Structures are given as C-alpha cells and as structure tokens.
Amino acid sequence: MISETNPGLATGPDGLVRTAWALGSEMMCRYYDTEWGMPICEERGLFERLSLEGFQSGLSWSTILSKRENFRAAFADFDPEIVADFSQEDVQRLLTDAGIIRHRGKIMATISNAQATLALREQGGLAALIWSYQPDRTPVPRSLEEIPTRSAESEALARRLKAEGFRFVGPTTVFALMEAVGMVDTHVVGSHRRGSSGVSFSNQPA
C-alpha cells in the first residue's frame, strides 16, 4: 500500500515499509529485500552487475531481472576470462538467443568489457577501481523525486572506466551500478532497508 503522506514509500503485506518501486512485483520485492544495495566487492559479481546495467539502458530493470538467469547461461555465468574470449560465432549465438536482449552493441560491449576487466588486474582489479569512487556522503532521499540519477563520483567513474576501455558506462548507468552494489544508499528514508549496507571496500573481509 502506497503511503498517503509519502508516495515514495509503500507498506507490503508483511508490514514492512519499502521504497515504492519494490512492490512492483514479487520478483522486484525479493530483489529489493535481499540484493539491491547489498555490497558486492568481488570481480565476477561486479562484472555481472556492470554488464546487466549496460543491457538495462533504455529498458526497465524488471525486464533485465526477469532474464537474469538467461543472461548468466548465455554469458558463461559472467566469468570475464571466458567472455573475453567470445568469438564471432558466440556473438551470432547471442544474437539469436531470445532469452536475452539481442542488441549487437551491448553484446559486443560486454565482451570488450570482459577484456578490459582482465586488463585491470595489473592495476589492482575492477573491484578496487570501482570502490575507489565511493562517495564520502550518501544521499538522504525523503521522496522518489529526491533520488539522484547521477553524481560527481559516477561522472568521474564513468570517465575512468571509458579510459580503461569499458563501453556502455555513462554516468547514469554507473550511478545505478553504485546503488545496486551498495556504494550509495538511495533507499527512501523510512524504508526498512535504509542504512542496511554501511560498508566500504576497505572494510570487507579478505
């Protein structure tokens, strides 16, 4: 049920208050409760999220989420070492796979991004690079309208990723990634998930 005083919040059948978009479906609610905004600090997980955010460009996240298992099967569970070696035959296979988004540019970007991910290992790795752009302050949105779609940090990280050879990594896409992997907290104030991550890359267990 959408809050009458704050349409950015909604109360689910379980009595928990969430940011309103979480109640779009059972799938979205489960994702919001158990994944979105939870820290991801390892290479494969970040490569997967970066890839899916790129495919999401111009589409709804629910569309991508509903196809996630298909994406994982199509892209070797987002193992960057395998994806980096995808051939033209693999590209043709992906372009005929109805279970994913059949966009040649995004498919090619995922392959080149896997190659860029491997190249980053000589500089400390993808996780260290991405998390080095975690802002000192996180937004405090009290409504959906107050949730930003980009930040100075996402703009800087997008530039850095592009310089390292990544594609489909504009500042809005990168900000969505930062939200998804727990670098910034954009849960609307009042949500049961607000403040639930509160970590940085440096304090993750080895």
N, C-alpha and C. Protein backbone atom coordinates (compact mmCIF):
# COMPACT_ATOMS: atom_id res chain seq x y z
N MET A 1 0.84 -1.19 0.00
CA MET A 1 0.00 0.00 0.00
C MET A 1 0.88 1.25 0.00
N ILE A 2 0.64 2.15 -0.95
CA ILE A 2 1.40 3.38 -1.05
C ILE A 2 1.04 4.31 0.11
N SER A 3 2.07 4.91 0.71
CA SER A 3 1.83 5.82 1.82
C SER A 3 1.09 7.07 1.35
N GLU A 4 0.08 7.48 2.09
CA GLU A 4 -0.68 8.68 1.73
C GLU A 4 0.14 9.94 1.98
N THR A 5 1.05 9.89 2.92
CA THR A 5 1.85 11.07 3.26
C THR A 5 3.15 11.13 2.47
N ASN A 6 3.62 9.97 1.97
CA ASN A 6 4.85 9.94 1.19
C ASN A 6 4.72 8.86 0.12
N PRO A 7 4.34 9.24 -1.11
CA PRO A 7 4.15 8.25 -2.17
C PRO A 7 5.44 7.53 -2.57
N GLY A 8 6.57 7.97 -2.03
CA GLY A 8 7.82 7.28 -2.29
C GLY A 8 8.00 6.03 -1.45
N LEU A 9 7.11 5.81 -0.49
CA LEU A 9 7.15 4.66 0.38
C LEU A 9 5.90 3.82 0.21
N ALA A 10 6.04 2.53 0.47
CA ALA A 10 4.89 1.63 0.39
C ALA A 10 5.05 0.54 1.44
N THR A 11 3.94 0.12 2.01
CA THR A 11 3.94 -0.94 3.01
C THR A 11 3.45 -2.22 2.36
N GLY A 12 4.27 -3.27 2.48
CA GLY A 12 3.92 -4.55 1.88
C GLY A 12 2.97 -5.34 2.74
N PRO A 13 2.49 -6.48 2.23
CA PRO A 13 1.59 -7.34 3.00
C PRO A 13 2.22 -7.84 4.30
N ASP A 14 3.56 -7.85 4.35
CA ASP A 14 4.26 -8.30 5.55
C ASP A 14 4.43 -7.19 6.57
N GLY A 15 3.92 -5.99 6.26
CA GLY A 15 4.00 -4.87 7.18
C GLY A 15 5.29 -4.07 7.09
N LEU A 16 6.23 -4.49 6.24
CA LEU A 16 7.50 -3.78 6.10
C LEU A 16 7.35 -2.62 5.12
N VAL A 17 7.98 -1.51 5.46
CA VAL A 17 7.95 -0.32 4.60
C VAL A 17 9.15 -0.36 3.65
N ARG A 18 8.88 -0.12 2.38
CA ARG A 18 9.92 -0.16 1.35
C ARG A 18 9.81 1.06 0.44
N THR A 19 10.89 1.35 -0.28
CA THR A 19 10.80 2.32 -1.37
C THR A 19 9.76 1.79 -2.35
N ALA A 20 8.90 2.65 -2.85
CA ALA A 20 7.68 2.22 -3.55
C ALA A 20 7.93 1.29 -4.73
N TRP A 21 9.02 1.49 -5.49
CA TRP A 21 9.21 0.65 -6.67
C TRP A 21 9.38 -0.83 -6.33
N ALA A 22 9.73 -1.12 -5.09
CA ALA A 22 9.97 -2.50 -4.69
C ALA A 22 8.71 -3.35 -4.74
N LEU A 23 7.54 -2.74 -4.67
CA LEU A 23 6.30 -3.51 -4.65
C LEU A 23 5.69 -3.68 -6.04
N GLY A 24 6.52 -3.48 -7.08
CA GLY A 24 6.03 -3.67 -8.44
C GLY A 24 5.66 -5.11 -8.74
N SER A 25 6.35 -6.04 -8.10
CA SER A 25 6.09 -7.46 -8.29
C SER A 25 6.78 -8.23 -7.18
N GLU A 26 6.44 -9.50 -7.03
CA GLU A 26 7.12 -10.33 -6.04
C GLU A 26 8.61 -10.42 -6.34
N MET A 27 8.96 -10.50 -7.63
CA MET A 27 10.36 -10.57 -8.03
C MET A 27 11.11 -9.32 -7.61
N MET A 28 10.52 -8.14 -7.85
CA MET A 28 11.17 -6.89 -7.50
C MET A 28 11.28 -6.73 -5.99
N CYS A 29 10.27 -7.17 -5.26
CA CYS A 29 10.29 -7.07 -3.81
C CYS A 29 11.39 -7.95 -3.23
N ARG A 30 11.52 -9.16 -3.74
CA ARG A 30 12.56 -10.07 -3.26
C ARG A 30 13.95 -9.49 -3.58
N TYR A 31 14.10 -8.93 -4.78
CA TYR A 31 15.37 -8.32 -5.16
C TYR A 31 15.70 -7.15 -4.24
N TYR A 32 14.72 -6.32 -3.96
CA TYR A 32 14.92 -5.16 -3.09
C TYR A 32 15.33 -5.59 -1.68
N ASP A 33 14.68 -6.61 -1.17
CA ASP A 33 14.92 -7.05 0.21
C ASP A 33 16.25 -7.77 0.38
N THR A 34 16.68 -8.49 -0.64
CA THR A 34 17.81 -9.40 -0.44
C THR A 34 19.06 -9.06 -1.25
N GLU A 35 18.95 -8.18 -2.26
CA GLU A 35 20.11 -7.94 -3.12
C GLU A 35 20.44 -6.47 -3.34
N TRP A 36 19.43 -5.68 -3.71
CA TRP A 36 19.71 -4.32 -4.13
C TRP A 36 20.32 -3.50 -2.99
N GLY A 37 21.48 -2.93 -3.24
CA GLY A 37 22.15 -2.14 -2.24
C GLY A 37 23.03 -2.93 -1.30
N MET A 38 23.06 -4.25 -1.46
CA MET A 38 23.96 -5.07 -0.65
C MET A 38 25.34 -5.06 -1.30
N PRO A 39 26.40 -4.93 -0.52
CA PRO A 39 27.74 -4.76 -1.09
C PRO A 39 28.20 -5.94 -1.94
N ILE A 40 28.74 -5.62 -3.10
CA ILE A 40 29.41 -6.59 -3.96
C ILE A 40 30.83 -6.08 -4.16
N CYS A 41 31.78 -6.87 -3.75
CA CYS A 41 33.18 -6.41 -3.76
C CYS A 41 34.11 -7.38 -4.46
N GLU A 42 33.55 -8.30 -5.26
CA GLU A 42 34.41 -9.22 -5.98
C GLU A 42 34.20 -9.06 -7.48
N GLU A 43 35.23 -9.43 -8.23
CA GLU A 43 35.30 -9.12 -9.65
C GLU A 43 34.11 -9.65 -10.44
N ARG A 44 33.81 -10.94 -10.32
CA ARG A 44 32.77 -11.50 -11.18
C ARG A 44 31.41 -10.88 -10.88
N GLY A 45 31.11 -10.67 -9.60
CA GLY A 45 29.84 -10.05 -9.26
C GLY A 45 29.71 -8.65 -9.82
N LEU A 46 30.79 -7.88 -9.76
CA LEU A 46 30.76 -6.52 -10.30
C LEU A 46 30.70 -6.54 -11.82
N PHE A 47 31.39 -7.47 -12.45
CA PHE A 47 31.32 -7.57 -13.91
C PHE A 47 29.90 -7.92 -14.34
N GLU A 48 29.25 -8.83 -13.62
CA GLU A 48 27.87 -9.16 -13.95
C GLU A 48 26.95 -7.95 -13.82
N ARG A 49 27.05 -7.24 -12.70
CA ARG A 49 26.18 -6.09 -12.50
C ARG A 49 26.46 -5.00 -13.52
N LEU A 50 27.73 -4.77 -13.82
CA LEU A 50 28.08 -3.77 -14.82
C LEU A 50 27.50 -4.15 -16.19
N SER A 51 27.57 -5.44 -16.52
CA SER A 51 27.03 -5.92 -17.79
C SER A 51 25.52 -5.76 -17.84
N LEU A 52 24.84 -6.16 -16.78
CA LEU A 52 23.38 -6.07 -16.77
C LEU A 52 22.90 -4.63 -16.77
N GLU A 53 23.61 -3.74 -16.08
CA GLU A 53 23.25 -2.33 -16.11
C GLU A 53 23.39 -1.79 -17.53
N GLY A 54 24.41 -2.24 -18.25
CA GLY A 54 24.56 -1.82 -19.63
C GLY A 54 23.41 -2.31 -20.51
N PHE A 55 23.00 -3.55 -20.32
CA PHE A 55 21.86 -4.07 -21.08
C PHE A 55 20.57 -3.36 -20.70
N GLN A 56 20.48 -2.88 -19.46
CA GLN A 56 19.26 -2.22 -19.00
C GLN A 56 19.04 -0.87 -19.66
N SER A 57 20.09 -0.24 -20.16
CA SER A 57 19.98 1.09 -20.75
C SER A 57 18.82 1.18 -21.73
N GLY A 58 17.85 2.05 -21.42
CA GLY A 58 16.68 2.23 -22.26
C GLY A 58 15.54 1.28 -21.95
N LEU A 59 15.75 0.39 -20.99
CA LEU A 59 14.73 -0.59 -20.63
C LEU A 59 14.47 -0.52 -19.13
N SER A 60 13.48 -1.26 -18.65
CA SER A 60 13.20 -1.30 -17.22
C SER A 60 14.09 -2.35 -16.57
N TRP A 61 14.43 -2.14 -15.29
CA TRP A 61 15.23 -3.11 -14.59
C TRP A 61 14.48 -4.42 -14.41
N SER A 62 13.17 -4.36 -14.27
CA SER A 62 12.40 -5.60 -14.11
C SER A 62 12.54 -6.49 -15.34
N THR A 63 12.65 -5.88 -16.51
CA THR A 63 12.86 -6.66 -17.74
C THR A 63 14.17 -7.42 -17.67
N ILE A 64 15.23 -6.73 -17.23
CA ILE A 64 16.54 -7.37 -17.13
C ILE A 64 16.53 -8.43 -16.05
N LEU A 65 15.94 -8.11 -14.91
CA LEU A 65 15.94 -9.05 -13.80
C LEU A 65 15.21 -10.34 -14.16
N SER A 66 14.15 -10.22 -14.92
CA SER A 66 13.39 -11.41 -15.31
C SER A 66 14.17 -12.30 -16.26
N LYS A 67 15.19 -11.75 -16.91
CA LYS A 67 16.02 -12.50 -17.85
C LYS A 67 17.40 -12.83 -17.29
N ARG A 68 17.63 -12.54 -16.01
CA ARG A 68 18.99 -12.66 -15.47
C ARG A 68 19.55 -14.07 -15.60
N GLU A 69 18.78 -15.08 -15.31
CA GLU A 69 19.30 -16.44 -15.41
C GLU A 69 19.63 -16.79 -16.86
N ASN A 70 18.86 -16.26 -17.80
CA ASN A 70 19.18 -16.47 -19.21
C ASN A 70 20.49 -15.78 -19.57
N PHE A 71 20.68 -14.57 -19.04
CA PHE A 71 21.94 -13.87 -19.28
C PHE A 71 23.11 -14.66 -18.71
N ARG A 72 22.95 -15.18 -17.51
CA ARG A 72 24.03 -15.94 -16.89
C ARG A 72 24.39 -17.16 -17.73
N ALA A 73 23.38 -17.85 -18.25
CA ALA A 73 23.64 -19.02 -19.09
C ALA A 73 24.32 -18.61 -20.40
N ALA A 74 23.88 -17.50 -20.97
CA ALA A 74 24.42 -17.07 -22.26
C ALA A 74 25.84 -16.54 -22.15
N PHE A 75 26.18 -15.93 -21.00
CA PHE A 75 27.49 -15.32 -20.82
C PHE A 75 28.35 -16.06 -19.80
N ALA A 76 28.26 -17.39 -19.80
CA ALA A 76 29.15 -18.23 -19.00
C ALA A 76 29.20 -17.80 -17.54
N ASP A 77 28.03 -17.50 -16.97
CA ASP A 77 27.93 -17.06 -15.59
C ASP A 77 28.78 -15.82 -15.32
N PHE A 78 28.97 -15.02 -16.38
CA PHE A 78 29.73 -13.77 -16.31
C PHE A 78 31.15 -13.97 -15.77
N ASP A 79 31.75 -15.07 -16.20
CA ASP A 79 33.18 -15.27 -15.94
C ASP A 79 33.94 -14.43 -16.96
N PRO A 80 34.63 -13.37 -16.53
CA PRO A 80 35.26 -12.48 -17.51
C PRO A 80 36.32 -13.17 -18.36
N GLU A 81 36.99 -14.18 -17.81
CA GLU A 81 38.02 -14.86 -18.58
C GLU A 81 37.41 -15.61 -19.77
N ILE A 82 36.23 -16.17 -19.57
CA ILE A 82 35.56 -16.88 -20.67
C ILE A 82 34.95 -15.89 -21.65
N VAL A 83 34.24 -14.89 -21.13
CA VAL A 83 33.56 -13.92 -22.00
C VAL A 83 34.57 -13.15 -22.85
N ALA A 84 35.73 -12.86 -22.30
CA ALA A 84 36.75 -12.11 -23.04
C ALA A 84 37.19 -12.85 -24.30
N ASP A 85 37.04 -14.17 -24.32
CA ASP A 85 37.44 -14.97 -25.48
C ASP A 85 36.29 -15.32 -26.41
N PHE A 86 35.12 -14.71 -26.19
CA PHE A 86 33.99 -14.99 -27.08
C PHE A 86 34.36 -14.64 -28.53
N SER A 87 33.95 -15.51 -29.44
CA SER A 87 34.24 -15.36 -30.86
C SER A 87 33.05 -14.77 -31.61
N GLN A 88 33.22 -14.56 -32.89
CA GLN A 88 32.11 -14.09 -33.71
C GLN A 88 30.97 -15.12 -33.73
N GLU A 89 31.33 -16.40 -33.61
CA GLU A 89 30.30 -17.43 -33.52
C GLU A 89 29.48 -17.26 -32.25
N ASP A 90 30.14 -16.89 -31.17
CA ASP A 90 29.42 -16.63 -29.93
C ASP A 90 28.50 -15.41 -30.08
N VAL A 91 28.98 -14.39 -30.76
CA VAL A 91 28.15 -13.20 -30.99
C VAL A 91 26.90 -13.58 -31.76
N GLN A 92 27.06 -14.38 -32.81
CA GLN A 92 25.89 -14.82 -33.59
C GLN A 92 24.95 -15.65 -32.73
N ARG A 93 25.52 -16.49 -31.88
CA ARG A 93 24.69 -17.30 -30.96
C ARG A 93 23.86 -16.38 -30.07
N LEU A 94 24.48 -15.37 -29.53
CA LEU A 94 23.79 -14.45 -28.63
C LEU A 94 22.73 -13.64 -29.35
N LEU A 95 22.99 -13.29 -30.59
CA LEU A 95 22.02 -12.51 -31.36
C LEU A 95 20.77 -13.30 -31.70
N THR A 96 20.84 -14.61 -31.58
CA THR A 96 19.66 -15.45 -31.85
C THR A 96 19.04 -16.00 -30.57
N ASP A 97 19.57 -15.57 -29.43
CA ASP A 97 19.08 -16.06 -28.13
C ASP A 97 17.92 -15.18 -27.66
N ALA A 98 16.70 -15.71 -27.78
CA ALA A 98 15.52 -14.94 -27.40
C ALA A 98 15.40 -14.72 -25.90
N GLY A 99 16.23 -15.39 -25.12
CA GLY A 99 16.14 -15.25 -23.68
C GLY A 99 16.85 -14.04 -23.13
N ILE A 100 17.63 -13.35 -23.97
CA ILE A 100 18.35 -12.17 -23.53
C ILE A 100 17.94 -10.97 -24.39
N ILE A 101 18.60 -9.84 -24.19
CA ILE A 101 18.38 -8.66 -25.03
C ILE A 101 19.31 -8.78 -26.22
N ARG A 102 18.74 -8.93 -27.41
CA ARG A 102 19.56 -9.18 -28.60
C ARG A 102 19.96 -7.85 -29.26
N HIS A 103 20.90 -7.18 -28.61
CA HIS A 103 21.38 -5.87 -29.07
C HIS A 103 22.87 -6.03 -29.36
N ARG A 104 23.25 -5.94 -30.63
CA ARG A 104 24.64 -6.21 -31.01
C ARG A 104 25.62 -5.31 -30.26
N GLY A 105 25.31 -4.03 -30.15
CA GLY A 105 26.22 -3.11 -29.49
C GLY A 105 26.45 -3.48 -28.04
N LYS A 106 25.39 -3.86 -27.34
CA LYS A 106 25.52 -4.22 -25.93
C LYS A 106 26.23 -5.56 -25.76
N ILE A 107 26.00 -6.48 -26.67
CA ILE A 107 26.70 -7.76 -26.63
C ILE A 107 28.19 -7.55 -26.84
N MET A 108 28.55 -6.77 -27.87
CA MET A 108 29.95 -6.50 -28.14
C MET A 108 30.60 -5.75 -26.98
N ALA A 109 29.85 -4.84 -26.37
CA ALA A 109 30.39 -4.10 -25.23
C ALA A 109 30.68 -5.03 -24.06
N THR A 110 29.81 -6.01 -23.82
CA THR A 110 30.04 -6.95 -22.73
C THR A 110 31.32 -7.74 -22.94
N ILE A 111 31.57 -8.12 -24.18
CA ILE A 111 32.81 -8.86 -24.48
C ILE A 111 34.03 -7.97 -24.29
N SER A 112 33.98 -6.76 -24.82
CA SER A 112 35.13 -5.85 -24.65
C SER A 112 35.29 -5.44 -23.20
N ASN A 113 34.20 -5.35 -22.45
CA ASN A 113 34.29 -5.02 -21.02
C ASN A 113 34.94 -6.16 -20.24
N ALA A 114 34.70 -7.39 -20.68
CA ALA A 114 35.38 -8.52 -20.04
C ALA A 114 36.89 -8.43 -20.28
N GLN A 115 37.27 -8.06 -21.48
CA GLN A 115 38.69 -7.90 -21.79
C GLN A 115 39.29 -6.77 -20.97
N ALA A 116 38.55 -5.68 -20.82
CA ALA A 116 39.03 -4.56 -20.01
C ALA A 116 39.14 -4.95 -18.54
N THR A 117 38.22 -5.81 -18.08
CA THR A 117 38.27 -6.29 -16.70
C THR A 117 39.54 -7.08 -16.45
N LEU A 118 39.91 -7.94 -17.39
CA LEU A 118 41.13 -8.71 -17.23
C LEU A 118 42.36 -7.80 -17.22
N ALA A 119 42.35 -6.78 -18.09
CA ALA A 119 43.48 -5.86 -18.15
C ALA A 119 43.66 -5.10 -16.84
N LEU A 120 42.57 -4.84 -16.14
CA LEU A 120 42.64 -4.09 -14.88
C LEU A 120 43.31 -4.87 -13.76
N ARG A 121 43.44 -6.17 -13.90
CA ARG A 121 44.06 -6.96 -12.84
C ARG A 121 45.49 -6.48 -12.56
N GLU A 122 46.14 -5.95 -13.57
CA GLU A 122 47.50 -5.46 -13.39
C GLU A 122 47.53 -4.16 -12.58
N GLN A 123 46.35 -3.53 -12.40
CA GLN A 123 46.27 -2.26 -11.68
C GLN A 123 45.50 -2.39 -10.36
N GLY A 124 45.30 -3.60 -9.92
CA GLY A 124 44.58 -3.81 -8.66
C GLY A 124 43.21 -4.42 -8.83
N GLY A 125 42.67 -4.39 -10.05
CA GLY A 125 41.42 -5.07 -10.32
C GLY A 125 40.20 -4.16 -10.42
N LEU A 126 39.14 -4.71 -10.99
CA LEU A 126 37.90 -3.97 -11.21
C LEU A 126 37.28 -3.51 -9.90
N ALA A 127 37.26 -4.38 -8.90
CA ALA A 127 36.62 -4.03 -7.63
C ALA A 127 37.31 -2.84 -6.97
N ALA A 128 38.63 -2.87 -6.93
CA ALA A 128 39.37 -1.77 -6.30
C ALA A 128 39.12 -0.46 -7.04
N LEU A 129 39.07 -0.52 -8.37
CA LEU A 129 38.84 0.70 -9.13
C LEU A 129 37.45 1.26 -8.85
N ILE A 130 36.43 0.41 -8.97
CA ILE A 130 35.06 0.89 -8.78
C ILE A 130 34.87 1.44 -7.37
N TRP A 131 35.29 0.70 -6.37
CA TRP A 131 35.05 1.12 -4.99
C TRP A 131 35.89 2.32 -4.58
N SER A 132 36.92 2.64 -5.34
CA SER A 132 37.71 3.83 -5.02
C SER A 132 36.92 5.11 -5.27
N TYR A 133 35.79 4.98 -5.95
CA TYR A 133 34.94 6.14 -6.23
C TYR A 133 33.72 6.21 -5.30
N GLN A 134 33.73 5.42 -4.25
CA GLN A 134 32.63 5.51 -3.28
C GLN A 134 32.63 6.89 -2.65
N PRO A 135 31.50 7.59 -2.66
CA PRO A 135 31.46 8.94 -2.08
C PRO A 135 31.56 8.92 -0.56
N ASP A 136 32.02 10.01 -0.02
CA ASP A 136 32.10 10.13 1.45
C ASP A 136 30.71 10.26 2.06
N ARG A 137 29.79 10.87 1.29
CA ARG A 137 28.43 11.04 1.77
C ARG A 137 27.46 10.32 0.83
N THR A 138 26.39 9.83 1.41
CA THR A 138 25.37 9.15 0.61
C THR A 138 24.11 10.00 0.60
N PRO A 139 23.29 9.92 -0.45
CA PRO A 139 22.05 10.72 -0.48
C PRO A 139 21.12 10.36 0.67
N VAL A 140 20.24 11.31 1.01
CA VAL A 140 19.24 11.07 2.05
C VAL A 140 17.87 11.44 1.46
N PRO A 141 17.39 10.64 0.49
CA PRO A 141 16.12 10.97 -0.17
C PRO A 141 14.91 10.70 0.73
N ARG A 142 14.03 11.68 0.79
CA ARG A 142 12.78 11.52 1.53
C ARG A 142 11.59 11.31 0.60
N SER A 143 11.87 11.29 -0.70
CA SER A 143 10.84 11.02 -1.71
C SER A 143 11.54 10.47 -2.93
N LEU A 144 10.77 9.90 -3.85
CA LEU A 144 11.36 9.39 -5.09
C LEU A 144 12.00 10.51 -5.90
N GLU A 145 11.40 11.70 -5.82
CA GLU A 145 11.92 12.83 -6.58
C GLU A 145 13.30 13.27 -6.10
N GLU A 146 13.62 12.95 -4.87
CA GLU A 146 14.90 13.36 -4.31
C GLU A 146 16.02 12.35 -4.59
N ILE A 147 15.69 11.23 -5.20
CA ILE A 147 16.72 10.24 -5.51
C ILE A 147 17.49 10.71 -6.75
N PRO A 148 18.79 10.93 -6.64
CA PRO A 148 19.56 11.38 -7.81
C PRO A 148 19.72 10.27 -8.83
N THR A 149 20.05 10.64 -10.05
CA THR A 149 20.30 9.66 -11.10
C THR A 149 21.75 9.66 -11.55
N ARG A 150 22.53 10.59 -11.00
CA ARG A 150 23.96 10.64 -11.28
C ARG A 150 24.62 11.49 -10.20
N SER A 151 25.92 11.47 -10.13
CA SER A 151 26.64 12.23 -9.13
C SER A 151 28.01 12.58 -9.67
N ALA A 152 28.72 13.43 -8.95
CA ALA A 152 30.08 13.76 -9.36
C ALA A 152 30.94 12.51 -9.40
N GLU A 153 30.72 11.61 -8.45
CA GLU A 153 31.50 10.38 -8.41
C GLU A 153 31.15 9.45 -9.58
N SER A 154 29.87 9.37 -9.93
CA SER A 154 29.51 8.49 -11.06
C SER A 154 30.03 9.06 -12.37
N GLU A 155 30.08 10.38 -12.47
CA GLU A 155 30.63 11.00 -13.67
C GLU A 155 32.13 10.73 -13.78
N ALA A 156 32.83 10.84 -12.64
CA ALA A 156 34.27 10.58 -12.64
C ALA A 156 34.56 9.11 -12.91
N LEU A 157 33.79 8.21 -12.31
CA LEU A 157 34.00 6.78 -12.52
C LEU A 157 33.69 6.41 -13.97
N ALA A 158 32.64 6.99 -14.54
CA ALA A 158 32.32 6.71 -15.94
C ALA A 158 33.49 7.11 -16.85
N ARG A 159 34.06 8.27 -16.58
CA ARG A 159 35.21 8.72 -17.39
C ARG A 159 36.38 7.76 -17.24
N ARG A 160 36.63 7.31 -16.01
CA ARG A 160 37.75 6.40 -15.78
C ARG A 160 37.52 5.06 -16.46
N LEU A 161 36.31 4.52 -16.34
CA LEU A 161 36.01 3.24 -16.99
C LEU A 161 36.15 3.35 -18.50
N LYS A 162 35.68 4.43 -19.08
CA LYS A 162 35.82 4.62 -20.52
C LYS A 162 37.29 4.70 -20.91
N ALA A 163 38.08 5.36 -20.08
CA ALA A 163 39.52 5.47 -20.36
C ALA A 163 40.20 4.10 -20.29
N GLU A 164 39.62 3.19 -19.50
CA GLU A 164 40.18 1.84 -19.37
C GLU A 164 39.62 0.89 -20.41
N GLY A 165 38.78 1.40 -21.34
CA GLY A 165 38.28 0.59 -22.42
C GLY A 165 36.87 0.04 -22.26
N PHE A 166 36.17 0.46 -21.22
CA PHE A 166 34.80 -0.02 -21.00
C PHE A 166 33.82 0.78 -21.85
N ARG A 167 32.72 0.12 -22.21
CA ARG A 167 31.67 0.75 -23.02
C ARG A 167 30.31 0.60 -22.33
N PHE A 168 29.35 1.43 -22.74
CA PHE A 168 28.01 1.48 -22.13
C PHE A 168 28.14 1.74 -20.63
N VAL A 169 28.97 2.71 -20.29
CA VAL A 169 29.21 3.06 -18.89
C VAL A 169 29.07 4.57 -18.70
N GLY A 170 27.94 5.12 -19.11
CA GLY A 170 27.68 6.53 -18.88
C GLY A 170 27.44 6.80 -17.40
N PRO A 171 27.43 8.08 -16.99
CA PRO A 171 27.29 8.40 -15.57
C PRO A 171 25.98 7.94 -14.94
N THR A 172 24.89 7.89 -15.70
CA THR A 172 23.63 7.40 -15.14
C THR A 172 23.68 5.89 -14.92
N THR A 173 24.23 5.17 -15.91
CA THR A 173 24.40 3.72 -15.76
C THR A 173 25.32 3.40 -14.60
N VAL A 174 26.40 4.16 -14.47
CA VAL A 174 27.36 3.93 -13.40
C VAL A 174 26.73 4.25 -12.03
N PHE A 175 25.90 5.29 -11.97
CA PHE A 175 25.25 5.59 -10.70
C PHE A 175 24.31 4.47 -10.30
N ALA A 176 23.58 3.91 -11.27
CA ALA A 176 22.70 2.77 -10.97
C ALA A 176 23.51 1.59 -10.45
N LEU A 177 24.69 1.40 -11.02
CA LEU A 177 25.58 0.35 -10.52
C LEU A 177 25.98 0.63 -9.08
N MET A 178 26.35 1.87 -8.79
CA MET A 178 26.77 2.23 -7.45
C MET A 178 25.65 2.00 -6.43
N GLU A 179 24.41 2.27 -6.83
CA GLU A 179 23.27 1.98 -5.97
C GLU A 179 23.13 0.48 -5.74
N ALA A 180 23.21 -0.27 -6.83
CA ALA A 180 22.94 -1.71 -6.77
C ALA A 180 23.96 -2.46 -5.94
N VAL A 181 25.22 -2.00 -5.95
CA VAL A 181 26.27 -2.76 -5.26
C VAL A 181 26.62 -2.16 -3.90
N GLY A 182 25.81 -1.26 -3.40
CA GLY A 182 25.96 -0.78 -2.04
C GLY A 182 26.93 0.36 -1.82
N MET A 183 27.33 1.04 -2.88
CA MET A 183 28.26 2.16 -2.73
C MET A 183 27.54 3.43 -2.28
N VAL A 184 26.30 3.57 -2.66
CA VAL A 184 25.47 4.69 -2.20
C VAL A 184 24.12 4.12 -1.77
N ASP A 185 23.52 4.74 -0.79
CA ASP A 185 22.24 4.28 -0.24
C ASP A 185 21.14 5.24 -0.67
N THR A 186 20.31 4.81 -1.63
CA THR A 186 19.20 5.65 -2.07
C THR A 186 17.85 5.08 -1.67
N HIS A 187 17.83 4.20 -0.66
CA HIS A 187 16.55 3.80 -0.09
C HIS A 187 15.90 5.05 0.50
N VAL A 188 14.64 5.25 0.20
CA VAL A 188 13.93 6.41 0.75
C VAL A 188 13.89 6.30 2.28
N VAL A 189 14.10 7.43 2.95
CA VAL A 189 14.07 7.46 4.40
C VAL A 189 12.72 6.91 4.89
N GLY A 190 12.77 5.95 5.77
CA GLY A 190 11.56 5.29 6.26
C GLY A 190 11.49 3.85 5.81
N SER A 191 12.24 3.50 4.74
CA SER A 191 12.28 2.12 4.27
C SER A 191 13.02 1.25 5.29
N HIS A 192 12.59 0.00 5.42
CA HIS A 192 13.25 -0.91 6.36
C HIS A 192 14.67 -1.25 5.91
N ARG A 193 15.01 -0.96 4.67
CA ARG A 193 16.36 -1.24 4.17
C ARG A 193 17.29 -0.04 4.29
N ARG A 194 16.78 1.13 4.65
CA ARG A 194 17.63 2.32 4.74
C ARG A 194 18.77 2.10 5.73
N GLY A 195 20.01 2.34 5.26
CA GLY A 195 21.17 2.20 6.12
C GLY A 195 21.62 0.78 6.35
N SER A 196 21.15 -0.16 5.53
CA SER A 196 21.44 -1.57 5.80
C SER A 196 22.79 -2.03 5.28
N SER A 197 23.43 -1.25 4.39
CA SER A 197 24.74 -1.68 3.90
C SER A 197 25.84 -1.09 4.77
N GLY A 198 26.08 0.21 4.65
CA GLY A 198 27.01 0.89 5.54
C GLY A 198 28.41 0.34 5.56
N VAL A 199 28.91 -0.11 4.39
CA VAL A 199 30.26 -0.65 4.34
C VAL A 199 31.05 0.03 3.23
N SER A 200 32.34 -0.18 3.24
CA SER A 200 33.19 0.28 2.16
C SER A 200 34.05 -0.88 1.73
N PHE A 201 34.67 -0.76 0.56
CA PHE A 201 35.52 -1.83 0.03
C PHE A 201 36.64 -2.17 1.00
N SER A 202 37.16 -1.15 1.67
CA SER A 202 38.33 -1.34 2.53
C SER A 202 38.03 -2.15 3.78
N ASN A 203 36.75 -2.19 4.21
CA ASN A 203 36.48 -2.96 5.43
C ASN A 203 35.79 -4.29 5.14
N GLN A 204 35.87 -4.73 3.89
CA GLN A 204 35.34 -6.04 3.56
C GLN A 204 36.32 -7.13 4.02
N PRO A 205 35.83 -8.28 4.45
CA PRO A 205 36.75 -9.35 4.84
C PRO A 205 37.55 -9.86 3.66
N ALA A 206 38.77 -10.27 3.89
CA ALA A 206 39.63 -10.77 2.83
C ALA A 206 39.12 -12.13 2.35
